[in-house]
Amino acid sequence: MKTSVLCFTLGLCACAAGNADEQTSAPTNPERSTPVDTTWQAPSRPAYEGFQWDTLSGAGLKLWAQANENIRLLIDPSLPGIVQVRDGDPSPCLKVRIFDLENNRIDDVLRYLENTPQWDKEQTCRFQPIESKRPGVRRYHLVPTGEYARQVKRQIEQSPVPSTCNGWGTGNSGQRYFEIHENRPDKALFVEIGQDAPLFDENCLAFTAHADSALSTDLLYTLTGEVRIGHEVRSFRPDGSPEEFWIVDKTGTLIARYDRATQGQKNGKPARATLKVEYNGKWDEGFAAEYDGVFLVREVLSVE
């Protein structure tokens, strides 16, 4: 099976549209996600071998997504958007990003991007409409213009160019585009397709009015709190929460970061940490059974 796992370094988790400084707080009612909505339209293609389709919802989005034991998609409200997580990866990969449209125009996205610190102003670009086979959905490519376009053309003639326009445009390898849904003209979606069919169904991606409340297994939470690691101890207590969670590090980096912060004292000494975590429900076995639930650590932002 081939899946696209293209991750480009743009500081995407730090630059949100309209709420970049928002941090997702820990909900106080930890409950598992609601059952799959079987009344929604079916996925438009079969799942990859070893994967299974399931619905994913949060941050105003709803979609079909595939998952197996090691790789899945999550909603990240801090972007807001959708990311791909995989066991062993130090950080998630962006797949879908929501942008606010101040004037209900796709050019609002370009004006926003051009004012982010990561944008190289020598890479001049514009939006170009492309064919959309989804009724009620307009799609666009962000394409190079001027001298930058001529530079890209020369590069493409010599070697693969995976992306253009500071990572938001398509080169000659892989695919990405932006789209606007007629029922949400105030929003645009950036959609990272990659070289192969993605682990989400891009033809079922939709907006929803469902509000995020209970602790959900569909969301990736960005939380600051107190982490403790020691003999038979792997715990995290989010700020403002009376609950303590058992943690499982899926990045392979947390213990080393904790060691540096505590000078090698793995005796349960508390350290301040900001983590991106996936809620994995309440476990009934092992040391984790003594805690209010389990968080899978998907990215270590800071430990001090």
C-alpha atoms as a PDB file:
ATOM      1  CA  MET A   1       0.000   0.000   0.000  1.00  0.00           C
ATOM      2  CA  LYS A   2       1.220   3.491  -0.812  1.00  0.00           C
ATOM      3  CA  THR A   3       0.027   6.515   1.108  1.00  0.00           C
ATOM      4  CA  SER A   4       1.173  10.089   0.854  1.00  0.00           C
ATOM      5  CA  VAL A   5       2.845  11.349   3.993  1.00  0.00           C
ATOM      6  CA  LEU A   6       4.244  14.591   2.630  1.00  0.00           C
ATOM      7  CA  CYS A   7       5.027  17.004   5.464  1.00  0.00           C
ATOM      8  CA  PHE A   8       6.438  20.399   4.559  1.00  0.00           C
ATOM      9  CA  THR A   9       8.054  22.738   7.067  1.00  0.00           C
ATOM     10  CA  LEU A  10       5.927  25.849   7.122  1.00  0.00           C
ATOM     11  CA  GLY A  11       5.241  26.347  10.800  1.00  0.00           C
ATOM     12  CA  LEU A  12       1.684  25.345   9.960  1.00  0.00           C
ATOM     13  CA  CYS A  13       0.734  24.512  13.516  1.00  0.00           C
ATOM     14  CA  ALA A  14       1.707  28.004  14.627  1.00  0.00           C
ATOM     15  CA  CYS A  15      -0.176  30.060  12.059  1.00  0.00           C
ATOM     16  CA  ALA A  16      -3.924  29.604  12.351  1.00  0.00           C
ATOM     17  CA  ALA A  17      -6.504  31.589  10.464  1.00  0.00           C
ATOM     18  CA  GLY A  18      -8.096  33.944  12.909  1.00  0.00           C
ATOM     19  CA  ASN A  19      -7.247  32.003  16.094  1.00  0.00           C
ATOM     20  CA  ALA A  20      -3.525  31.242  15.989  1.00  0.00           C
ATOM     21  CA  ASP A  21      -3.086  31.812  19.725  1.00  0.00           C
ATOM     22  CA  GLU A  22      -6.083  29.708  20.744  1.00  0.00           C
ATOM     23  CA  GLN A  23      -5.196  26.641  22.827  1.00  0.00           C
ATOM     24  CA  THR A  24      -7.674  23.820  23.181  1.00  0.00           C
ATOM     25  CA  SER A  25      -8.550  23.362  26.840  1.00  0.00           C
ATOM     26  CA  ALA A  26      -9.379  20.008  28.387  1.00  0.00           C
ATOM     27  CA  PRO A  27     -13.131  19.341  28.430  1.00  0.00           C
ATOM     28  CA  THR A  28     -14.527  18.308  31.791  1.00  0.00           C
ATOM     29  CA  ASN A  29     -16.783  15.502  30.561  1.00  0.00           C
ATOM     30  CA  PRO A  30     -14.591  12.665  29.260  1.00  0.00           C
ATOM     31  CA  GLU A  31     -16.757  10.490  27.036  1.00  0.00           C
ATOM     32  CA  ARG A  32     -15.988   8.477  23.955  1.00  0.00           C
ATOM     33  CA  SER A  33     -16.977   9.722  20.525  1.00  0.00           C
ATOM     34  CA  THR A  34     -20.517   9.090  19.328  1.00  0.00           C
ATOM     35  CA  PRO A  35     -21.143   6.014  17.125  1.00  0.00           C
ATOM     36  CA  VAL A  36     -20.662   6.229  13.381  1.00  0.00           C
ATOM     37  CA  ASP A  37     -23.467   8.049  11.560  1.00  0.00           C
ATOM     38  CA  THR A  38     -24.607   5.320   9.181  1.00  0.00           C
ATOM     39  CA  THR A  39     -27.102   7.671   7.499  1.00  0.00           C
ATOM     40  CA  TRP A  40     -24.310   9.753   5.958  1.00  0.00           C
ATOM     41  CA  GLN A  41     -23.198   9.048   2.403  1.00  0.00           C
ATOM     42  CA  ALA A  42     -20.756   6.167   2.010  1.00  0.00           C
ATOM     43  CA  PRO A  43     -17.075   6.741   1.113  1.00  0.00           C
ATOM     44  CA  SER A  44     -16.449   7.192  -2.601  1.00  0.00           C
ATOM     45  CA  ARG A  45     -13.766   4.466  -2.803  1.00  0.00           C
ATOM     46  CA  PRO A  46     -12.709   1.289  -0.964  1.00  0.00           C
ATOM     47  CA  ALA A  47     -10.333   1.503   1.987  1.00  0.00           C
ATOM     48  CA  TYR A  48      -6.681   0.530   1.607  1.00  0.00           C
ATOM     49  CA  GLU A  49      -5.801  -3.033   2.605  1.00  0.00           C
ATOM     50  CA  GLY A  50      -5.544  -3.217   6.390  1.00  0.00           C
ATOM     51  CA  PHE A  51      -7.407   0.076   6.857  1.00  0.00           C
ATOM     52  CA  GLN A  52     -11.007   0.806   7.775  1.00  0.00           C
ATOM     53  CA  TRP A  53     -13.257   3.773   7.023  1.00  0.00           C
ATOM     54  CA  ASP A  54     -14.840   5.661   9.924  1.00  0.00           C
ATOM     55  CA  THR A  55     -16.382   9.096  10.348  1.00  0.00           C
ATOM     56  CA  LEU A  56     -14.337  11.902  11.858  1.00  0.00           C
ATOM     57  CA  SER A  57     -15.840  15.157  13.124  1.00  0.00           C
ATOM     58  CA  GLY A  58     -14.812  18.252  15.031  1.00  0.00           C
ATOM     59  CA  ALA A  59     -13.840  21.922  14.642  1.00  0.00           C
ATOM     60  CA  GLY A  60     -16.783  22.389  12.283  1.00  0.00           C
ATOM     61  CA  LEU A  61     -15.732  19.600   9.882  1.00  0.00           C
ATOM     62  CA  LYS A  62     -17.014  16.122   9.109  1.00  0.00           C
ATOM     63  CA  LEU A  63     -15.479  13.509   6.825  1.00  0.00           C
ATOM     64  CA  TRP A  64     -14.723   9.868   6.187  1.00  0.00           C
ATOM     65  CA  ALA A  65     -11.188   8.855   7.204  1.00  0.00           C
ATOM     66  CA  GLN A  66      -9.224   5.598   7.102  1.00  0.00           C
ATOM     67  CA  ALA A  67      -7.160   4.236   9.980  1.00  0.00           C
ATOM     68  CA  ASN A  68      -5.221   1.188  11.071  1.00  0.00           C
ATOM     69  CA  GLU A  69      -3.316   0.371  14.265  1.00  0.00           C
ATOM     70  CA  ASN A  70      -0.427   2.736  13.515  1.00  0.00           C
ATOM     71  CA  ILE A  71      -1.748   5.605  11.418  1.00  0.00           C
ATOM     72  CA  ARG A  72      -4.885   7.747  11.501  1.00  0.00           C
ATOM     73  CA  LEU A  73      -6.286  11.243  11.063  1.00  0.00           C
ATOM     74  CA  LEU A  74      -7.346  13.645  13.818  1.00  0.00           C
ATOM     75  CA  ILE A  75      -9.072  17.008  13.982  1.00  0.00           C
ATOM     76  CA  ASP A  76      -6.719  19.686  15.355  1.00  0.00           C
ATOM     77  CA  PRO A  77      -8.796  22.665  16.580  1.00  0.00           C
ATOM     78  CA  SER A  78      -5.648  24.738  17.154  1.00  0.00           C
ATOM     79  CA  LEU A  79      -5.097  25.050  13.388  1.00  0.00           C
ATOM     80  CA  PRO A  80      -8.058  24.504  12.779  1.00  0.00           C
ATOM     81  CA  GLY A  81      -7.862  21.550  10.434  1.00  0.00           C
ATOM     82  CA  ILE A  82      -7.049  17.866  10.016  1.00  0.00           C
ATOM     83  CA  VAL A  83      -3.696  16.195  10.639  1.00  0.00           C
ATOM     84  CA  GLN A  84      -2.258  12.739  10.079  1.00  0.00           C
ATOM     85  CA  VAL A  85      -0.566  11.010  13.021  1.00  0.00           C
ATOM     86  CA  ARG A  86       1.592   7.910  12.884  1.00  0.00           C
ATOM     87  CA  ASP A  87       3.287   5.975  15.676  1.00  0.00           C
ATOM     88  CA  GLY A  88       6.939   7.039  15.831  1.00  0.00           C
ATOM     89  CA  ASP A  89       6.476  10.378  14.064  1.00  0.00           C
ATOM     90  CA  PRO A  90       7.659  13.342  16.195  1.00  0.00           C
ATOM     91  CA  SER A  91       4.806  15.565  14.996  1.00  0.00           C
ATOM     92  CA  PRO A  92       1.568  15.409  12.975  1.00  0.00           C
ATOM     93  CA  CYS A  93       1.341  16.167   9.235  1.00  0.00           C
ATOM     94  CA  LEU A  94      -1.145  18.734   7.953  1.00  0.00           C
ATOM     95  CA  LYS A  95      -3.818  17.387   5.574  1.00  0.00           C
ATOM     96  CA  VAL A  96      -6.662  19.936   5.704  1.00  0.00           C
ATOM     97  CA  ARG A  97      -6.673  23.533   6.958  1.00  0.00           C
ATOM     98  CA  ILE A  98      -9.613  25.910   7.470  1.00  0.00           C
ATOM     99  CA  PHE A  99      -9.186  29.576   6.549  1.00  0.00           C
ATOM    100  CA  ASP A 100     -11.556  32.446   7.328  1.00  0.00           C
ATOM    101  CA  LEU A 101     -12.646  34.523   4.322  1.00  0.00           C
ATOM    102  CA  GLU A 102     -13.172  38.088   5.502  1.00  0.00           C
ATOM    103  CA  ASN A 103     -14.680  39.143   2.160  1.00  0.00           C
ATOM    104  CA  ASN A 104     -15.972  35.723   1.045  1.00  0.00           C
ATOM    105  CA  ARG A 105     -13.257  35.647  -1.635  1.00  0.00           C
ATOM    106  CA  ILE A 106     -10.495  33.091  -2.181  1.00  0.00           C
ATOM    107  CA  ASP A 107      -7.955  35.929  -2.445  1.00  0.00           C
ATOM    108  CA  ASP A 108      -8.498  36.531   1.286  1.00  0.00           C
ATOM    109  CA  VAL A 109      -6.414  33.395   1.895  1.00  0.00           C
ATOM    110  CA  LEU A 110      -3.498  34.714  -0.148  1.00  0.00           C
ATOM    111  CA  ARG A 111      -3.537  38.033   1.698  1.00  0.00           C
ATOM    112  CA  TYR A 112      -3.438  36.151   4.986  1.00  0.00           C
ATOM    113  CA  LEU A 113      -0.562  33.891   3.911  1.00  0.00           C
ATOM    114  CA  GLU A 114       1.461  36.797   2.522  1.00  0.00           C
ATOM    115  CA  ASN A 115       1.411  38.400   5.975  1.00  0.00           C
ATOM    116  CA  THR A 116       2.705  35.356   7.843  1.00  0.00           C
ATOM    117  CA  PRO A 117       6.394  35.276   8.886  1.00  0.00           C
ATOM    118  CA  GLN A 118       6.983  32.081   6.889  1.00  0.00           C
ATOM    119  CA  TRP A 119       6.011  33.601   3.532  1.00  0.00           C
ATOM    120  CA  ASP A 120       8.822  34.307   1.056  1.00  0.00           C
ATOM    121  CA  LYS A 121       7.585  37.394  -0.782  1.00  0.00           C
ATOM    122  CA  GLU A 122       9.766  36.592  -3.800  1.00  0.00           C
ATOM    123  CA  GLN A 123       7.452  33.651  -4.476  1.00  0.00           C
ATOM    124  CA  THR A 124       4.657  35.604  -6.181  1.00  0.00           C
ATOM    125  CA  CYS A 125       1.460  33.605  -6.682  1.00  0.00           C
ATOM    126  CA  ARG A 126      -2.220  33.842  -7.562  1.00  0.00           C
ATOM    127  CA  PHE A 127      -5.277  31.611  -7.386  1.00  0.00           C
ATOM    128  CA  GLN A 128      -6.403  29.804 -10.527  1.00  0.00           C
ATOM    129  CA  PRO A 129      -9.813  28.060 -10.736  1.00  0.00           C
ATOM    130  CA  ILE A 130      -9.681  24.339 -11.535  1.00  0.00           C
ATOM    131  CA  GLU A 131     -12.318  21.759 -12.367  1.00  0.00           C
ATOM    132  CA  SER A 132     -14.403  20.568  -9.436  1.00  0.00           C
ATOM    133  CA  LYS A 133     -16.524  17.454  -9.788  1.00  0.00           C
ATOM    134  CA  ARG A 134     -18.369  18.210  -6.548  1.00  0.00           C
ATOM    135  CA  PRO A 135     -21.613  20.182  -6.926  1.00  0.00           C
ATOM    136  CA  GLY A 136     -21.574  23.331  -4.825  1.00  0.00           C
ATOM    137  CA  VAL A 137     -17.786  23.288  -4.361  1.00  0.00           C
ATOM    138  CA  ARG A 138     -15.327  25.587  -6.170  1.00  0.00           C
ATOM    139  CA  ARG A 139     -11.670  24.534  -6.278  1.00  0.00           C
ATOM    140  CA  TYR A 140      -8.479  26.496  -6.911  1.00  0.00           C
ATOM    141  CA  HIS A 141      -4.758  25.957  -7.372  1.00  0.00           C
ATOM    142  CA  LEU A 142      -2.278  28.479  -5.995  1.00  0.00           C
ATOM    143  CA  VAL A 143       0.118  28.960  -8.915  1.00  0.00           C
ATOM    144  CA  PRO A 144       3.381  30.905  -9.426  1.00  0.00           C
ATOM    145  CA  THR A 145       3.405  34.157 -11.393  1.00  0.00           C
ATOM    146  CA  GLY A 146       6.018  36.439 -12.989  1.00  0.00           C
ATOM    147  CA  GLU A 147       9.714  35.702 -12.631  1.00  0.00           C
ATOM    148  CA  TYR A 148       9.006  33.144  -9.925  1.00  0.00           C
ATOM    149  CA  ALA A 149       6.866  31.168 -12.404  1.00  0.00           C
ATOM    150  CA  ARG A 150       9.751  31.172 -14.903  1.00  0.00           C
ATOM    151  CA  GLN A 151      12.139  29.929 -12.203  1.00  0.00           C
ATOM    152  CA  VAL A 152       9.762  27.112 -11.291  1.00  0.00           C
ATOM    153  CA  LYS A 153       9.391  26.123 -14.948  1.00  0.00           C
ATOM    154  CA  ARG A 154      13.176  25.802 -15.295  1.00  0.00           C
ATOM    155  CA  GLN A 155      13.373  23.740 -12.097  1.00  0.00           C
ATOM    156  CA  ILE A 156      10.577  21.402 -13.213  1.00  0.00           C
ATOM    157  CA  GLU A 157      12.431  20.700 -16.473  1.00  0.00           C
ATOM    158  CA  GLN A 158      15.437  19.444 -14.479  1.00  0.00           C
ATOM    159  CA  SER A 159      14.058  17.770 -11.340  1.00  0.00           C
ATOM    160  CA  PRO A 160      10.924  17.035  -9.302  1.00  0.00           C
ATOM    161  CA  VAL A 161       9.356  20.069  -7.613  1.00  0.00           C
ATOM    162  CA  PRO A 162       7.034  18.737  -4.878  1.00  0.00           C
ATOM    163  CA  SER A 163       5.502  22.115  -4.025  1.00  0.00           C
ATOM    164  CA  THR A 164       5.406  25.788  -4.975  1.00  0.00           C
ATOM    165  CA  CYS A 165       4.141  29.025  -3.438  1.00  0.00           C
ATOM    166  CA  ASN A 166       5.782  28.431  -0.046  1.00  0.00           C
ATOM    167  CA  GLY A 167       4.369  24.909   0.153  1.00  0.00           C
ATOM    168  CA  TRP A 168       0.757  25.839  -0.614  1.00  0.00           C
ATOM    169  CA  GLY A 169       0.968  25.332  -4.396  1.00  0.00           C
ATOM    170  CA  THR A 170       1.342  22.224  -6.544  1.00  0.00           C
ATOM    171  CA  GLY A 171       4.573  21.420  -8.388  1.00  0.00           C
ATOM    172  CA  ASN A 172       5.015  18.413 -10.653  1.00  0.00           C
ATOM    173  CA  SER A 173       4.756  15.847  -7.863  1.00  0.00           C
ATOM    174  CA  GLY A 174       1.656  15.407  -5.737  1.00  0.00           C
ATOM    175  CA  GLN A 175      -1.476  17.514  -5.583  1.00  0.00           C
ATOM    176  CA  ARG A 176      -2.998  20.117  -3.277  1.00  0.00           C
ATOM    177  CA  TYR A 177      -5.743  22.658  -3.746  1.00  0.00           C
ATOM    178  CA  PHE A 178      -8.118  25.062  -2.007  1.00  0.00           C
ATOM    179  CA  GLU A 179     -11.891  24.866  -2.088  1.00  0.00           C
ATOM    180  CA  ILE A 180     -14.932  26.936  -1.102  1.00  0.00           C
ATOM    181  CA  HIS A 181     -18.301  25.344  -0.319  1.00  0.00           C
ATOM    182  CA  GLU A 182     -21.362  27.325  -1.347  1.00  0.00           C
ATOM    183  CA  ASN A 183     -23.023  26.608   2.019  1.00  0.00           C
ATOM    184  CA  ARG A 184     -20.022  28.166   3.849  1.00  0.00           C
ATOM    185  CA  PRO A 185     -18.836  31.077   1.677  1.00  0.00           C
ATOM    186  CA  ASP A 186     -16.979  32.548   4.662  1.00  0.00           C
ATOM    187  CA  LYS A 187     -14.533  29.611   4.827  1.00  0.00           C
ATOM    188  CA  ALA A 188     -11.920  28.078   2.546  1.00  0.00           C
ATOM    189  CA  LEU A 189     -10.308  24.668   2.895  1.00  0.00           C
ATOM    190  CA  PHE A 190      -6.729  23.808   1.991  1.00  0.00           C
ATOM    191  CA  VAL A 191      -6.639  20.136   0.984  1.00  0.00           C
ATOM    192  CA  GLU A 192      -3.369  18.170   0.815  1.00  0.00           C
ATOM    193  CA  ILE A 193      -3.891  15.198  -1.505  1.00  0.00           C
ATOM    194  CA  GLY A 194      -0.302  14.078  -2.123  1.00  0.00           C
ATOM    195  CA  GLN A 195       0.776  11.602  -4.790  1.00  0.00           C
ATOM    196  CA  ASP A 196      -1.779   8.879  -4.034  1.00  0.00           C
ATOM    197  CA  ALA A 197      -5.355   8.830  -2.791  1.00  0.00           C
ATOM    198  CA  PRO A 198      -5.279  10.241   0.759  1.00  0.00           C
ATOM    199  CA  LEU A 199      -6.507   8.530   3.916  1.00  0.00           C
ATOM    200  CA  PHE A 200      -9.572  10.773   3.871  1.00  0.00           C
ATOM    201  CA  ASP A 201     -12.343  11.015   1.305  1.00  0.00           C
ATOM    202  CA  GLU A 202     -11.880  14.440  -0.244  1.00  0.00           C
ATOM    203  CA  ASN A 203     -15.246  14.083  -1.991  1.00  0.00           C
ATOM    204  CA  CYS A 204     -17.137  13.787   1.316  1.00  0.00           C
ATOM    205  CA  LEU A 205     -15.373  16.583   3.205  1.00  0.00           C
ATOM    206  CA  ALA A 206     -18.135  18.778   4.645  1.00  0.00           C
ATOM    207  CA  PHE A 207     -18.867  21.504   7.157  1.00  0.00           C
ATOM    208  CA  THR A 208     -21.038  20.759  10.174  1.00  0.00           C
ATOM    209  CA  ALA A 209     -22.662  22.824  12.912  1.00  0.00           C
ATOM    210  CA  HIS A 210     -21.900  20.164  15.539  1.00  0.00           C
ATOM    211  CA  ALA A 211     -20.186  21.731  18.576  1.00  0.00           C
ATOM    212  CA  ASP A 212     -17.185  20.116  20.290  1.00  0.00           C
ATOM    213  CA  SER A 213     -17.992  19.460  23.939  1.00  0.00           C
ATOM    214  CA  ALA A 214     -17.229  16.070  25.451  1.00  0.00           C
ATOM    215  CA  LEU A 215     -13.698  14.732  25.337  1.00  0.00           C
ATOM    216  CA  SER A 216     -13.482  13.178  21.881  1.00  0.00           C
ATOM    217  CA  THR A 217     -11.295  10.503  20.338  1.00  0.00           C
ATOM    218  CA  ASP A 218     -11.538  12.437  17.040  1.00  0.00           C
ATOM    219  CA  LEU A 219      -9.638  15.509  18.265  1.00  0.00           C
ATOM    220  CA  LEU A 220      -5.978  16.367  18.785  1.00  0.00           C
ATOM    221  CA  TYR A 221      -5.772  18.508  21.923  1.00  0.00           C
ATOM    222  CA  THR A 222      -3.037  21.051  22.604  1.00  0.00           C
ATOM    223  CA  LEU A 223      -2.725  21.134  26.391  1.00  0.00           C
ATOM    224  CA  THR A 224      -0.384  22.650  28.952  1.00  0.00           C
ATOM    225  CA  GLY A 225      -0.032  21.060  32.351  1.00  0.00           C
ATOM    226  CA  GLU A 226       2.115  18.964  34.650  1.00  0.00           C
ATOM    227  CA  VAL A 227       3.841  15.802  33.451  1.00  0.00           C
ATOM    228  CA  ARG A 228       5.381  13.186  35.770  1.00  0.00           C
ATOM    229  CA  ILE A 229       7.458  10.171  34.739  1.00  0.00           C
ATOM    230  CA  GLY A 230       8.874   7.578  37.109  1.00  0.00           C
ATOM    231  CA  HIS A 231       8.631   3.956  38.210  1.00  0.00           C
ATOM    232  CA  GLU A 232       5.086   2.889  37.303  1.00  0.00           C
ATOM    233  CA  VAL A 233       4.213   6.563  36.688  1.00  0.00           C
ATOM    234  CA  ARG A 234       3.390   8.175  33.343  1.00  0.00           C
ATOM    235  CA  SER A 235       0.947  10.968  34.107  1.00  0.00           C
ATOM    236  CA  PHE A 236      -0.263  14.300  32.776  1.00  0.00           C
ATOM    237  CA  ARG A 237      -2.630  16.717  34.523  1.00  0.00           C
ATOM    238  CA  PRO A 238      -3.882  19.556  32.282  1.00  0.00           C
ATOM    239  CA  ASP A 239      -4.065  23.018  33.788  1.00  0.00           C
ATOM    240  CA  GLY A 240      -7.485  23.748  35.246  1.00  0.00           C
ATOM    241  CA  SER A 241      -8.547  20.102  35.248  1.00  0.00           C
ATOM    242  CA  PRO A 242      -9.114  17.937  38.346  1.00  0.00           C
ATOM    243  CA  GLU A 243      -8.370  14.853  36.243  1.00  0.00           C
ATOM    244  CA  GLU A 244      -5.071  13.050  35.751  1.00  0.00           C
ATOM    245  CA  PHE A 245      -4.321  10.999  32.647  1.00  0.00           C
ATOM    246  CA  TRP A 246      -1.991   8.113  31.927  1.00  0.00           C
ATOM    247  CA  ILE A 247       0.182   9.006  28.934  1.00  0.00           C
ATOM    248  CA  VAL A 248       1.633   6.841  26.165  1.00  0.00           C
ATOM    249  CA  ASP A 249       4.369   8.557  24.161  1.00  0.00           C
ATOM    250  CA  LYS A 250       3.876   7.830  20.462  1.00  0.00           C
ATOM    251  CA  THR A 251       6.634  10.248  19.370  1.00  0.00           C
ATOM    252  CA  GLY A 252       9.614   8.584  21.056  1.00  0.00           C
ATOM    253  CA  THR A 253      10.847  11.986  22.279  1.00  0.00           C
ATOM    254  CA  LEU A 254       9.050  12.717  25.565  1.00  0.00           C
ATOM    255  CA  ILE A 255      11.326  10.815  27.955  1.00  0.00           C
ATOM    256  CA  ALA A 256      14.469  12.503  26.593  1.00  0.00           C
ATOM    257  CA  ARG A 257      12.821  15.934  26.881  1.00  0.00           C
ATOM    258  CA  TYR A 258      11.642  15.111  30.417  1.00  0.00           C
ATOM    259  CA  ASP A 259      15.153  13.916  31.369  1.00  0.00           C
ATOM    260  CA  ARG A 260      16.662  17.216  30.254  1.00  0.00           C
ATOM    261  CA  ALA A 261      14.066  19.203  32.175  1.00  0.00           C
ATOM    262  CA  THR A 262      14.441  17.190  35.412  1.00  0.00           C
ATOM    263  CA  GLN A 263      18.181  16.489  35.047  1.00  0.00           C
ATOM    264  CA  GLY A 264      17.583  12.770  34.726  1.00  0.00           C
ATOM    265  CA  GLN A 265      15.339  12.362  37.766  1.00  0.00           C
ATOM    266  CA  LYS A 266      12.722   9.803  36.738  1.00  0.00           C
ATOM    267  CA  ASN A 267      11.180   9.727  40.206  1.00  0.00           C
ATOM    268  CA  GLY A 268       7.878  11.345  39.386  1.00  0.00           C
ATOM    269  CA  LYS A 269       9.248  14.861  39.679  1.00  0.00           C
ATOM    270  CA  PRO A 270       6.722  17.227  38.076  1.00  0.00           C
ATOM    271  CA  ALA A 271       7.672  19.245  35.005  1.00  0.00           C
ATOM    272  CA  ARG A 272       5.722  21.802  33.023  1.00  0.00           C
ATOM    273  CA  ALA A 273       4.835  20.606  29.545  1.00  0.00           C
ATOM    274  CA  THR A 274       2.802  21.559  26.499  1.00  0.00           C
ATOM    275  CA  LEU A 275       1.730  18.511  24.535  1.00  0.00           C
ATOM    276  CA  LYS A 276      -0.439  17.615  21.567  1.00  0.00           C
ATOM    277  CA  VAL A 277      -2.410  14.598  22.729  1.00  0.00           C
ATOM    278  CA  GLU A 278      -5.027  12.188  21.407  1.00  0.00           C
ATOM    279  CA  TYR A 279      -7.655  10.934  23.869  1.00  0.00           C
ATOM    280  CA  ASN A 280      -7.737   7.122  23.898  1.00  0.00           C
ATOM    281  CA  GLY A 281     -10.575   6.587  26.355  1.00  0.00           C
ATOM    282  CA  LYS A 282     -10.560   4.941  29.786  1.00  0.00           C
ATOM    283  CA  TRP A 283      -8.450   1.809  30.117  1.00  0.00           C
ATOM    284  CA  ASP A 284      -9.454  -0.991  32.481  1.00  0.00           C
ATOM    285  CA  GLU A 285      -6.123  -2.805  32.767  1.00  0.00           C
ATOM    286  CA  GLY A 286      -2.638  -2.084  34.116  1.00  0.00           C
ATOM    287  CA  PHE A 287      -1.456   1.103  35.790  1.00  0.00           C
ATOM    288  CA  ALA A 288      -3.537   3.159  33.364  1.00  0.00           C
ATOM    289  CA  ALA A 289      -6.721   1.826  34.986  1.00  0.00           C
ATOM    290  CA  GLU A 290      -6.019   4.006  38.032  1.00  0.00           C
ATOM    291  CA  TYR A 291      -6.290   7.198  35.965  1.00  0.00           C
ATOM    292  CA  ASP A 292      -9.216   9.159  34.546  1.00  0.00           C
ATOM    293  CA  GLY A 293      -8.249   8.245  31.002  1.00  0.00           C
ATOM    294  CA  VAL A 294      -5.360   7.808  28.586  1.00  0.00           C
ATOM    295  CA  PHE A 295      -3.675  10.381  26.357  1.00  0.00           C
ATOM    296  CA  LEU A 296      -1.492   9.328  23.422  1.00  0.00           C
ATOM    297  CA  VAL A 297       1.247  11.947  23.017  1.00  0.00           C
ATOM    298  CA  ARG A 298       1.484  12.965  19.345  1.00  0.00           C
ATOM    299  CA  GLU A 299       3.846  15.943  19.663  1.00  0.00           C
ATOM    300  CA  VAL A 300       5.999  17.381  22.457  1.00  0.00           C
ATOM    301  CA  LEU A 301       5.938  21.163  22.131  1.00  0.00           C
ATOM    302  CA  SER A 302       7.812  21.969  25.353  1.00  0.00           C
ATOM    303  CA  VAL A 303       8.974  20.437  28.641  1.00  0.00           C
ATOM    304  CA  GLU A 304      10.600  22.586  31.318  1.00  0.00           C
END
